[in-house]
Amino acid sequence: MYAVVATGGKQYKVREGETLRVEKLPGEIGSSVSFDKVLMYSDGENVTIGQPILENVAVTGHIVEQGKAKKIIVFKYKRRKRYRRKQGHRQQFTAVKIDSIKAQEN
């Protein structure tokens, strides 16, 4: 059983029990998170695709970690013009453990 959810401008394929890193979500460690934009749901044999989202599927989880990713270097350079800019960036993330994927029958 899996679902495809959209959060933070990206799409993630999630299964029950797995942990995924998403763009920063508000909340403390241990607080509950619900993903309301479910784009696709599969129960193992049937696949349901939303147009654009599924209303009767709920994906819930809880926050495991709030943190920052590894630093990346942003380097801008123009040749022959003596132009160089070096800047670092650390993207904030939230690690969410998926508790349940529930589909309500119509």
PDB file of N, CA and C in Angstrom:
ATOM      1  N   MET A   1       0.843  -1.165   0.000  1.00  0.00           N
ATOM      2  CA  MET A   1       0.000   0.000   0.000  1.00  0.00           C
ATOM      3  C   MET A   1       0.896   1.239   0.000  1.00  0.00           C
ATOM      4  N   TYR A   2       0.619   2.160  -0.905  1.00  0.00           N
ATOM      5  CA  TYR A   2       1.379   3.400  -0.954  1.00  0.00           C
ATOM      6  C   TYR A   2       0.491   4.521  -1.467  1.00  0.00           C
ATOM      7  N   ALA A   3       0.980   5.749  -1.308  1.00  0.00           N
ATOM      8  CA  ALA A   3       0.269   6.926  -1.795  1.00  0.00           C
ATOM      9  C   ALA A   3       1.303   7.932  -2.282  1.00  0.00           C
ATOM     10  N   VAL A   4       0.872   8.844  -3.133  1.00  0.00           N
ATOM     11  CA  VAL A   4       1.710   9.945  -3.592  1.00  0.00           C
ATOM     12  C   VAL A   4       1.092  11.226  -3.048  1.00  0.00           C
ATOM     13  N   VAL A   5       1.875  11.961  -2.237  1.00  0.00           N
ATOM     14  CA  VAL A   5       1.386  13.193  -1.631  1.00  0.00           C
ATOM     15  C   VAL A   5       2.218  14.368  -2.146  1.00  0.00           C
ATOM     16  N   ALA A   6       1.618  15.557  -2.125  1.00  0.00           N
ATOM     17  CA  ALA A   6       2.302  16.782  -2.535  1.00  0.00           C
ATOM     18  C   ALA A   6       2.423  17.689  -1.324  1.00  0.00           C
ATOM     19  N   THR A   7       3.653  18.122  -1.048  1.00  0.00           N
ATOM     20  CA  THR A   7       3.897  19.081   0.024  1.00  0.00           C
ATOM     21  C   THR A   7       5.184  19.836  -0.284  1.00  0.00           C
ATOM     22  N   GLY A   8       5.198  21.104   0.001  1.00  0.00           N
ATOM     23  CA  GLY A   8       6.396  21.907  -0.223  1.00  0.00           C
ATOM     24  C   GLY A   8       6.777  22.049  -1.677  1.00  0.00           C
ATOM     25  N   GLY A   9       5.806  21.934  -2.599  1.00  0.00           N
ATOM     26  CA  GLY A   9       6.089  22.079  -4.019  1.00  0.00           C
ATOM     27  C   GLY A   9       6.679  20.832  -4.658  1.00  0.00           C
ATOM     28  N   LYS A  10       6.738  19.727  -3.905  1.00  0.00           N
ATOM     29  CA  LYS A  10       7.283  18.483  -4.431  1.00  0.00           C
ATOM     30  C   LYS A  10       6.296  17.347  -4.194  1.00  0.00           C
ATOM     31  N   GLN A  11       6.521  16.234  -4.869  1.00  0.00           N
ATOM     32  CA  GLN A  11       5.672  15.050  -4.721  1.00  0.00           C
ATOM     33  C   GLN A  11       6.507  13.916  -4.147  1.00  0.00           C
ATOM     34  N   TYR A  12       5.915  13.173  -3.210  1.00  0.00           N
ATOM     35  CA  TYR A  12       6.614  12.089  -2.539  1.00  0.00           C
ATOM     36  C   TYR A  12       5.763  10.827  -2.564  1.00  0.00           C
ATOM     37  N   LYS A  13       6.401   9.688  -2.842  1.00  0.00           N
ATOM     38  CA  LYS A  13       5.748   8.390  -2.745  1.00  0.00           C
ATOM     39  C   LYS A  13       5.987   7.886  -1.325  1.00  0.00           C
ATOM     40  N   VAL A  14       4.912   7.631  -0.572  1.00  0.00           N
ATOM     41  CA  VAL A  14       5.038   7.261   0.837  1.00  0.00           C
ATOM     42  C   VAL A  14       4.383   5.913   1.103  1.00  0.00           C
ATOM     43  N   ARG A  15       4.942   5.194   2.066  1.00  0.00           N
ATOM     44  CA  ARG A  15       4.392   3.932   2.562  1.00  0.00           C
ATOM     45  C   ARG A  15       4.287   4.035   4.076  1.00  0.00           C
ATOM     46  N   GLU A  16       3.443   3.204   4.671  1.00  0.00           N
ATOM     47  CA  GLU A  16       3.314   3.198   6.126  1.00  0.00           C
ATOM     48  C   GLU A  16       4.615   2.744   6.762  1.00  0.00           C
ATOM     49  N   GLY A  17       5.027   3.450   7.812  1.00  0.00           N
ATOM     50  CA  GLY A  17       6.214   3.070   8.556  1.00  0.00           C
ATOM     51  C   GLY A  17       7.513   3.686   8.068  1.00  0.00           C
ATOM     52  N   GLU A  18       7.531   4.313   6.903  1.00  0.00           N
ATOM     53  CA  GLU A  18       8.784   4.892   6.418  1.00  0.00           C
ATOM     54  C   GLU A  18       8.912   6.346   6.858  1.00  0.00           C
ATOM     55  N   THR A  19      10.153   6.831   6.865  1.00  0.00           N
ATOM     56  CA  THR A  19      10.446   8.205   7.252  1.00  0.00           C
ATOM     57  C   THR A  19      10.918   8.966   6.019  1.00  0.00           C
ATOM     58  N   LEU A  20      10.387  10.173   5.831  1.00  0.00           N
ATOM     59  CA  LEU A  20      10.815  10.973   4.687  1.00  0.00           C
ATOM     60  C   LEU A  20      11.111  12.392   5.122  1.00  0.00           C
ATOM     61  N   ARG A  21      12.018  13.038   4.389  1.00  0.00           N
ATOM     62  CA  ARG A  21      12.377  14.428   4.644  1.00  0.00           C
ATOM     63  C   ARG A  21      11.615  15.315   3.678  1.00  0.00           C
ATOM     64  N   VAL A  22      10.883  16.278   4.215  1.00  0.00           N
ATOM     65  CA  VAL A  22      10.119  17.209   3.392  1.00  0.00           C
ATOM     66  C   VAL A  22      10.569  18.630   3.733  1.00  0.00           C
ATOM     67  N   GLU A  23      10.116  19.587   2.946  1.00  0.00           N
ATOM     68  CA  GLU A  23      10.389  20.986   3.256  1.00  0.00           C
ATOM     69  C   GLU A  23       9.829  21.301   4.640  1.00  0.00           C
ATOM     70  N   LYS A  24      10.409  22.289   5.312  1.00  0.00           N
ATOM     71  CA  LYS A  24      10.077  22.581   6.702  1.00  0.00           C
ATOM     72  C   LYS A  24       8.580  22.768   6.912  1.00  0.00           C
ATOM     73  N   LEU A  25       8.050  22.043   7.898  1.00  0.00           N
ATOM     74  CA  LEU A  25       6.659  22.152   8.316  1.00  0.00           C
ATOM     75  C   LEU A  25       6.622  22.698   9.741  1.00  0.00           C
ATOM     76  N   PRO A  26       5.618  23.513  10.080  1.00  0.00           N
ATOM     77  CA  PRO A  26       5.528  24.005  11.457  1.00  0.00           C
ATOM     78  C   PRO A  26       5.128  22.875  12.397  1.00  0.00           C
ATOM     79  N   GLY A  27       5.664  22.908  13.607  1.00  0.00           N
ATOM     80  CA  GLY A  27       5.305  21.912  14.605  1.00  0.00           C
ATOM     81  C   GLY A  27       6.510  21.444  15.382  1.00  0.00           C
ATOM     82  N   GLU A  28       6.229  20.870  16.546  1.00  0.00           N
ATOM     83  CA  GLU A  28       7.268  20.350  17.416  1.00  0.00           C
ATOM     84  C   GLU A  28       7.489  18.875  17.138  1.00  0.00           C
ATOM     85  N   ILE A  29       8.594  18.342  17.641  1.00  0.00           N
ATOM     86  CA  ILE A  29       8.882  16.915  17.500  1.00  0.00           C
ATOM     87  C   ILE A  29       7.808  16.134  18.247  1.00  0.00           C
ATOM     88  N   GLY A  30       7.238  15.143  17.581  1.00  0.00           N
ATOM     89  CA  GLY A  30       6.178  14.325  18.163  1.00  0.00           C
ATOM     90  C   GLY A  30       4.778  14.768  17.799  1.00  0.00           C
ATOM     91  N   SER A  31       4.622  15.974  17.256  1.00  0.00           N
ATOM     92  CA  SER A  31       3.286  16.437  16.893  1.00  0.00           C
ATOM     93  C   SER A  31       2.814  15.779  15.602  1.00  0.00           C
ATOM     94  N   SER A  32       1.514  15.698  15.449  1.00  0.00           N
ATOM     95  CA  SER A  32       0.906  14.996  14.327  1.00  0.00           C
ATOM     96  C   SER A  32       0.883  15.872  13.076  1.00  0.00           C
ATOM     97  N   VAL A  33       1.042  15.219  11.922  1.00  0.00           N
ATOM     98  CA  VAL A  33       1.020  15.905  10.631  1.00  0.00           C
ATOM     99  C   VAL A  33       0.060  15.160   9.724  1.00  0.00           C
ATOM    100  N   SER A  34      -0.748  15.906   8.982  1.00  0.00           N
ATOM    101  CA  SER A  34      -1.684  15.308   8.037  1.00  0.00           C
ATOM    102  C   SER A  34      -1.422  15.899   6.657  1.00  0.00           C
ATOM    103  N   PHE A  35      -1.309  15.032   5.656  1.00  0.00           N
ATOM    104  CA  PHE A  35      -1.119  15.480   4.280  1.00  0.00           C
ATOM    105  C   PHE A  35      -2.468  15.424   3.580  1.00  0.00           C
ATOM    106  N   ASP A  36      -2.973  16.586   3.173  1.00  0.00           N
ATOM    107  CA  ASP A  36      -4.302  16.636   2.565  1.00  0.00           C
ATOM    108  C   ASP A  36      -4.272  16.564   1.044  1.00  0.00           C
ATOM    109  N   LYS A  37      -3.145  16.829   0.428  1.00  0.00           N
ATOM    110  CA  LYS A  37      -3.046  16.736  -1.034  1.00  0.00           C
ATOM    111  C   LYS A  37      -2.517  15.355  -1.424  1.00  0.00           C
ATOM    112  N   VAL A  38      -3.415  14.391  -1.526  1.00  0.00           N
ATOM    113  CA  VAL A  38      -3.053  13.043  -1.942  1.00  0.00           C
ATOM    114  C   VAL A  38      -3.380  12.931  -3.422  1.00  0.00           C
ATOM    115  N   LEU A  39      -2.366  12.666  -4.248  1.00  0.00           N
ATOM    116  CA  LEU A  39      -2.536  12.649  -5.694  1.00  0.00           C
ATOM    117  C   LEU A  39      -2.852  11.256  -6.232  1.00  0.00           C
ATOM    118  N   MET A  40      -2.364  10.219  -5.531  1.00  0.00           N
ATOM    119  CA  MET A  40      -2.550   8.853  -6.013  1.00  0.00           C
ATOM    120  C   MET A  40      -2.548   7.911  -4.825  1.00  0.00           C
ATOM    121  N   TYR A  41      -3.314   6.818  -4.935  1.00  0.00           N
ATOM    122  CA  TYR A  41      -3.395   5.823  -3.866  1.00  0.00           C
ATOM    123  C   TYR A  41      -3.448   4.437  -4.477  1.00  0.00           C
ATOM    124  N   SER A  42      -2.674   3.515  -3.892  1.00  0.00           N
ATOM    125  CA  SER A  42      -2.692   2.127  -4.341  1.00  0.00           C
ATOM    126  C   SER A  42      -2.798   1.234  -3.121  1.00  0.00           C
ATOM    127  N   ASP A  43      -3.744   0.282  -3.155  1.00  0.00           N
ATOM    128  CA  ASP A  43      -3.909  -0.651  -2.039  1.00  0.00           C
ATOM    129  C   ASP A  43      -3.245  -1.995  -2.319  1.00  0.00           C
ATOM    130  N   GLY A  44      -2.483  -2.102  -3.381  1.00  0.00           N
ATOM    131  CA  GLY A  44      -1.795  -3.332  -3.722  1.00  0.00           C
ATOM    132  C   GLY A  44      -2.284  -3.927  -5.025  1.00  0.00           C
ATOM    133  N   GLU A  45      -3.576  -3.797  -5.288  1.00  0.00           N
ATOM    134  CA  GLU A  45      -4.119  -4.315  -6.542  1.00  0.00           C
ATOM    135  C   GLU A  45      -4.862  -3.257  -7.346  1.00  0.00           C
ATOM    136  N   ASN A  46      -5.478  -2.299  -6.667  1.00  0.00           N
ATOM    137  CA  ASN A  46      -6.194  -1.219  -7.357  1.00  0.00           C
ATOM    138  C   ASN A  46      -5.437   0.087  -7.195  1.00  0.00           C
ATOM    139  N   VAL A  47      -5.347   0.859  -8.272  1.00  0.00           N
ATOM    140  CA  VAL A  47      -4.693   2.163  -8.244  1.00  0.00           C
ATOM    141  C   VAL A  47      -5.743   3.222  -8.515  1.00  0.00           C
ATOM    142  N   THR A  48      -5.798   4.240  -7.640  1.00  0.00           N
ATOM    143  CA  THR A  48      -6.738   5.343  -7.799  1.00  0.00           C
ATOM    144  C   THR A  48      -5.948   6.623  -7.995  1.00  0.00           C
ATOM    145  N   ILE A  49      -6.261   7.340  -9.057  1.00  0.00           N
ATOM    146  CA  ILE A  49      -5.564   8.581  -9.390  1.00  0.00           C
ATOM    147  C   ILE A  49      -6.542   9.736  -9.249  1.00  0.00           C
ATOM    148  N   GLY A  50      -6.119  10.782  -8.549  1.00  0.00           N
ATOM    149  CA  GLY A  50      -6.971  11.951  -8.345  1.00  0.00           C
ATOM    150  C   GLY A  50      -6.922  12.892  -9.519  1.00  0.00           C
ATOM    151  N   GLN A  51      -7.958  13.707  -9.623  1.00  0.00           N
ATOM    152  CA  GLN A  51      -8.020  14.686 -10.707  1.00  0.00           C
ATOM    153  C   GLN A  51      -8.385  16.055 -10.140  1.00  0.00           C
ATOM    154  N   PRO A  52      -7.521  16.825  -9.530  1.00  0.00           N
ATOM    155  CA  PRO A  52      -6.106  16.562  -9.278  1.00  0.00           C
ATOM    156  C   PRO A  52      -5.827  15.842  -7.956  1.00  0.00           C
ATOM    157  N   ILE A  53      -6.722  15.937  -6.941  1.00  0.00           N
ATOM    158  CA  ILE A  53      -6.446  15.289  -5.662  1.00  0.00           C
ATOM    159  C   ILE A  53      -7.571  14.336  -5.288  1.00  0.00           C
ATOM    160  N   LEU A  54      -7.263  13.407  -4.386  1.00  0.00           N
ATOM    161  CA  LEU A  54      -8.252  12.466  -3.873  1.00  0.00           C
ATOM    162  C   LEU A  54      -8.818  13.018  -2.567  1.00  0.00           C
ATOM    163  N   GLU A  55     -10.123  13.055  -2.464  1.00  0.00           N
ATOM    164  CA  GLU A  55     -10.781  13.606  -1.284  1.00  0.00           C
ATOM    165  C   GLU A  55     -10.933  12.576  -0.170  1.00  0.00           C
ATOM    166  N   ASN A  56     -11.021  11.279  -0.520  1.00  0.00           N
ATOM    167  CA  ASN A  56     -11.353  10.260   0.472  1.00  0.00           C
ATOM    168  C   ASN A  56     -10.152   9.469   0.984  1.00  0.00           C
ATOM    169  N   VAL A  57      -8.941   9.997   0.820  1.00  0.00           N
ATOM    170  CA  VAL A  57      -7.734   9.327   1.301  1.00  0.00           C
ATOM    171  C   VAL A  57      -7.019  10.260   2.278  1.00  0.00           C
ATOM    172  N   ALA A  58      -6.621   9.701   3.436  1.00  0.00           N
ATOM    173  CA  ALA A  58      -5.933  10.490   4.452  1.00  0.00           C
ATOM    174  C   ALA A  58      -4.581   9.860   4.759  1.00  0.00           C
ATOM    175  N   VAL A  59      -3.524  10.672   4.730  1.00  0.00           N
ATOM    176  CA  VAL A  59      -2.184  10.222   5.080  1.00  0.00           C
ATOM    177  C   VAL A  59      -1.766  11.007   6.325  1.00  0.00           C
ATOM    178  N   THR A  60      -1.456  10.288   7.399  1.00  0.00           N
ATOM    179  CA  THR A  60      -1.070  10.931   8.649  1.00  0.00           C
ATOM    180  C   THR A  60       0.282  10.410   9.110  1.00  0.00           C
ATOM    181  N   GLY A  61       0.962  11.242   9.877  1.00  0.00           N
ATOM    182  CA  GLY A  61       2.259  10.867  10.420  1.00  0.00           C
ATOM    183  C   GLY A  61       2.592  11.759  11.596  1.00  0.00           C
ATOM    184  N   HIS A  62       3.809  11.617  12.107  1.00  0.00           N
ATOM    185  CA  HIS A  62       4.260  12.490  13.180  1.00  0.00           C
ATOM    186  C   HIS A  62       5.698  12.935  12.905  1.00  0.00           C
ATOM    187  N   ILE A  63       6.034  14.114  13.452  1.00  0.00           N
ATOM    188  CA  ILE A  63       7.336  14.725  13.213  1.00  0.00           C
ATOM    189  C   ILE A  63       8.386  14.017  14.063  1.00  0.00           C
ATOM    190  N   VAL A  64       9.463  13.585  13.406  1.00  0.00           N
ATOM    191  CA  VAL A  64      10.557  12.895  14.082  1.00  0.00           C
ATOM    192  C   VAL A  64      11.724  13.855  14.337  1.00  0.00           C
ATOM    193  N   GLU A  65      11.965  14.769  13.387  1.00  0.00           N
ATOM    194  CA  GLU A  65      13.134  15.645  13.488  1.00  0.00           C
ATOM    195  C   GLU A  65      12.882  16.944  12.736  1.00  0.00           C
ATOM    196  N   GLN A  66      13.396  18.043  13.291  1.00  0.00           N
ATOM    197  CA  GLN A  66      13.451  19.333  12.604  1.00  0.00           C
ATOM    198  C   GLN A  66      14.937  19.665  12.476  1.00  0.00           C
ATOM    199  N   GLY A  67      15.408  19.989  11.289  1.00  0.00           N
ATOM    200  CA  GLY A  67      16.837  20.245  11.167  1.00  0.00           C
ATOM    201  C   GLY A  67      17.202  20.986   9.906  1.00  0.00           C
ATOM    202  N   LYS A  68      18.513  21.040   9.666  1.00  0.00           N
ATOM    203  CA  LYS A  68      19.054  21.672   8.468  1.00  0.00           C
ATOM    204  C   LYS A  68      19.869  20.644   7.700  1.00  0.00           C
ATOM    205  N   ALA A  69      19.786  20.679   6.397  1.00  0.00           N
ATOM    206  CA  ALA A  69      20.538  19.759   5.543  1.00  0.00           C
ATOM    207  C   ALA A  69      22.001  20.196   5.477  1.00  0.00           C
ATOM    208  N   LYS A  70      22.810  19.413   4.793  1.00  0.00           N
ATOM    209  CA  LYS A  70      24.219  19.754   4.632  1.00  0.00           C
ATOM    210  C   LYS A  70      24.361  21.044   3.833  1.00  0.00           C
ATOM    211  N   LYS A  71      25.454  21.746   4.070  1.00  0.00           N
ATOM    212  CA  LYS A  71      25.679  23.014   3.404  1.00  0.00           C
ATOM    213  C   LYS A  71      26.038  22.802   1.932  1.00  0.00           C
ATOM    214  N   ILE A  72      25.447  23.639   1.090  1.00  0.00           N
ATOM    215  CA  ILE A  72      25.838  23.672  -0.316  1.00  0.00           C
ATOM    216  C   ILE A  72      26.487  25.023  -0.589  1.00  0.00           C
ATOM    217  N   ILE A  73      27.351  25.064  -1.581  1.00  0.00           N
ATOM    218  CA  ILE A  73      28.046  26.296  -1.948  1.00  0.00           C
ATOM    219  C   ILE A  73      27.412  26.867  -3.212  1.00  0.00           C
ATOM    220  N   VAL A  74      27.014  28.130  -3.141  1.00  0.00           N
ATOM    221  CA  VAL A  74      26.489  28.848  -4.302  1.00  0.00           C
ATOM    222  C   VAL A  74      27.605  29.760  -4.780  1.00  0.00           C
ATOM    223  N   PHE A  75      28.157  29.487  -5.974  1.00  0.00           N
ATOM    224  CA  PHE A  75      29.288  30.251  -6.481  1.00  0.00           C
ATOM    225  C   PHE A  75      28.915  30.877  -7.815  1.00  0.00           C
ATOM    226  N   LYS A  76      28.932  32.206  -7.853  1.00  0.00           N
ATOM    227  CA  LYS A  76      28.649  32.930  -9.093  1.00  0.00           C
ATOM    228  C   LYS A  76      29.967  33.468  -9.645  1.00  0.00           C
ATOM    229  N   TYR A  77      30.139  33.390 -10.959  1.00  0.00           N
ATOM    230  CA  TYR A  77      31.407  33.734 -11.560  1.00  0.00           C
ATOM    231  C   TYR A  77      31.172  34.244 -12.976  1.00  0.00           C
ATOM    232  N   LYS A  78      31.818  35.353 -13.303  1.00  0.00           N
ATOM    233  CA  LYS A  78      31.808  35.840 -14.676  1.00  0.00           C
ATOM    234  C   LYS A  78      33.259  35.975 -15.126  1.00  0.00           C
ATOM    235  N   ARG A  79      33.596  35.297 -16.181  1.00  0.00           N
ATOM    236  CA  ARG A  79      34.988  35.290 -16.620  1.00  0.00           C
ATOM    237  C   ARG A  79      35.410  36.658 -17.157  1.00  0.00           C
ATOM    238  N   ARG A  80      36.664  36.966 -16.954  1.00  0.00           N
ATOM    239  CA  ARG A  80      37.314  38.198 -17.429  1.00  0.00           C
ATOM    240  C   ARG A  80      36.729  39.478 -16.844  1.00  0.00           C
ATOM    241  N   LYS A  81      35.867  39.386 -15.849  1.00  0.00           N
ATOM    242  CA  LYS A  81      35.249  40.596 -15.294  1.00  0.00           C
ATOM    243  C   LYS A  81      35.566  40.798 -13.814  1.00  0.00           C
ATOM    244  N   ARG A  82      36.390  39.929 -13.235  1.00  0.00           N
ATOM    245  CA  ARG A  82      36.731  39.978 -11.813  1.00  0.00           C
ATOM    246  C   ARG A  82      35.491  39.901 -10.929  1.00  0.00           C
ATOM    247  N   TYR A  83      34.532  39.111 -11.336  1.00  0.00           N
ATOM    248  CA  TYR A  83      33.288  38.983 -10.566  1.00  0.00           C
ATOM    249  C   TYR A  83      33.205  37.567  -9.998  1.00  0.00           C
ATOM    250  N   ARG A  84      33.254  37.466  -8.675  1.00  0.00           N
ATOM    251  CA  ARG A  84      33.109  36.188  -7.980  1.00  0.00           C
ATOM    252  C   ARG A  84      32.297  36.423  -6.722  1.00  0.00           C
ATOM    253  N   ARG A  85      31.294  35.584  -6.476  1.00  0.00           N
ATOM    254  CA  ARG A  85      30.504  35.650  -5.257  1.00  0.00           C
ATOM    255  C   ARG A  85      30.353  34.231  -4.716  1.00  0.00           C
ATOM    256  N   LYS A  86      30.736  34.044  -3.478  1.00  0.00           N
ATOM    257  CA  LYS A  86      30.633  32.734  -2.848  1.00  0.00           C
ATOM    258  C   LYS A  86      29.679  32.854  -1.665  1.00  0.00           C
ATOM    259  N   GLN A  87      28.703  31.950  -1.637  1.00  0.00           N
ATOM    260  CA  GLN A  87      27.701  32.002  -0.581  1.00  0.00           C
ATOM    261  C   GLN A  87      27.315  30.575  -0.212  1.00  0.00           C
ATOM    262  N   GLY A  88      27.056  30.317   1.060  1.00  0.00           N
ATOM    263  CA  GLY A  88      26.621  29.003   1.509  1.00  0.00           C
ATOM    264  C   GLY A  88      25.129  29.012   1.811  1.00  0.00           C
ATOM    265  N   HIS A  89      24.522  27.819   1.774  1.00  0.00           N
ATOM    266  CA  HIS A  89      23.095  27.704   2.067  1.00  0.00           C
ATOM    267  C   HIS A  89      22.819  26.361   2.725  1.00  0.00           C
ATOM    268  N   ARG A  90      22.013  26.363   3.788  1.00  0.00           N
ATOM    269  CA  ARG A  90      21.558  25.135   4.429  1.00  0.00           C
ATOM    270  C   ARG A  90      20.037  25.149   4.443  1.00  0.00           C
ATOM    271  N   GLN A  91      19.430  24.216   3.734  1.00  0.00           N
ATOM    272  CA  GLN A  91      17.973  24.144   3.620  1.00  0.00           C
ATOM    273  C   GLN A  91      17.388  23.478   4.860  1.00  0.00           C
ATOM    274  N   GLN A  92      16.341  24.075   5.402  1.00  0.00           N
ATOM    275  CA  GLN A  92      15.663  23.483   6.561  1.00  0.00           C
ATOM    276  C   GLN A  92      14.742  22.362   6.096  1.00  0.00           C
ATOM    277  N   PHE A  93      14.619  21.322   6.932  1.00  0.00           N
ATOM    278  CA  PHE A  93      13.761  20.195   6.597  1.00  0.00           C
ATOM    279  C   PHE A  93      13.028  19.701   7.823  1.00  0.00           C
ATOM    280  N   THR A  94      12.017  18.893   7.586  1.00  0.00           N
ATOM    281  CA  THR A  94      11.276  18.195   8.625  1.00  0.00           C
ATOM    282  C   THR A  94      11.241  16.724   8.263  1.00  0.00           C
ATOM    283  N   ALA A  95      11.651  15.867   9.183  1.00  0.00           N
ATOM    284  CA  ALA A  95      11.579  14.421   8.971  1.00  0.00           C
ATOM    285  C   ALA A  95      10.258  13.930   9.556  1.00  0.00           C
ATOM    286  N   VAL A  96       9.454  13.262   8.721  1.00  0.00           N
ATOM    287  CA  VAL A  96       8.126  12.797   9.118  1.00  0.00           C
ATOM    288  C   VAL A  96       8.058  11.286   8.975  1.00  0.00           C
ATOM    289  N   LYS A  97       7.592  10.610  10.027  1.00  0.00           N
ATOM    290  CA  LYS A  97       7.364   9.157   9.954  1.00  0.00           C
ATOM    291  C   LYS A  97       5.895   8.946   9.662  1.00  0.00           C
ATOM    292  N   ILE A  98       5.593   8.188   8.609  1.00  0.00           N
ATOM    293  CA  ILE A  98       4.226   7.961   8.172  1.00  0.00           C
ATOM    294  C   ILE A  98       3.588   6.892   9.056  1.00  0.00           C
ATOM    295  N   ASP A  99       2.469   7.246   9.708  1.00  0.00           N
ATOM    296  CA  ASP A  99       1.770   6.321  10.595  1.00  0.00           C
ATOM    297  C   ASP A  99       0.715   5.509   9.861  1.00  0.00           C
ATOM    298  N   SER A 100      -0.099   6.189   9.045  1.00  0.00           N
ATOM    299  CA  SER A 100      -1.182   5.456   8.402  1.00  0.00           C
ATOM    300  C   SER A 100      -1.594   6.100   7.086  1.00  0.00           C
ATOM    301  N   ILE A 101      -2.067   5.234   6.192  1.00  0.00           N
ATOM    302  CA  ILE A 101      -2.680   5.666   4.930  1.00  0.00           C
ATOM    303  C   ILE A 101      -4.061   5.032   4.927  1.00  0.00           C
ATOM    304  N   LYS A 102      -5.092   5.846   5.031  1.00  0.00           N
ATOM    305  CA  LYS A 102      -6.448   5.334   5.127  1.00  0.00           C
ATOM    306  C   LYS A 102      -7.294   5.819   3.971  1.00  0.00           C
ATOM    307  N   ALA A 103      -8.018   4.896   3.368  1.00  0.00           N
ATOM    308  CA  ALA A 103      -8.938   5.237   2.282  1.00  0.00           C
ATOM    309  C   ALA A 103     -10.346   4.922   2.742  1.00  0.00           C
ATOM    310  N   GLN A 104     -11.229   5.906   2.611  1.00  0.00           N
ATOM    311  CA  GLN A 104     -12.640   5.691   2.950  1.00  0.00           C
ATOM    312  C   GLN A 104     -13.364   5.221   1.707  1.00  0.00           C
ATOM    313  N   GLU A 105     -14.190   4.213   1.873  1.00  0.00           N
ATOM    314  CA  GLU A 105     -14.973   3.702   0.749  1.00  0.00           C
ATOM    315  C   GLU A 105     -16.158   4.614   0.505  1.00  0.00           C
ATOM    316  N   ASN A 106     -16.518   4.789  -0.754  1.00  0.00           N
ATOM    317  CA  ASN A 106     -17.650   5.645  -1.118  1.00  0.00           C
ATOM    318  C   ASN A 106     -18.959   4.963  -0.875  1.00  0.00           C
TER     319      ASN A 106
END
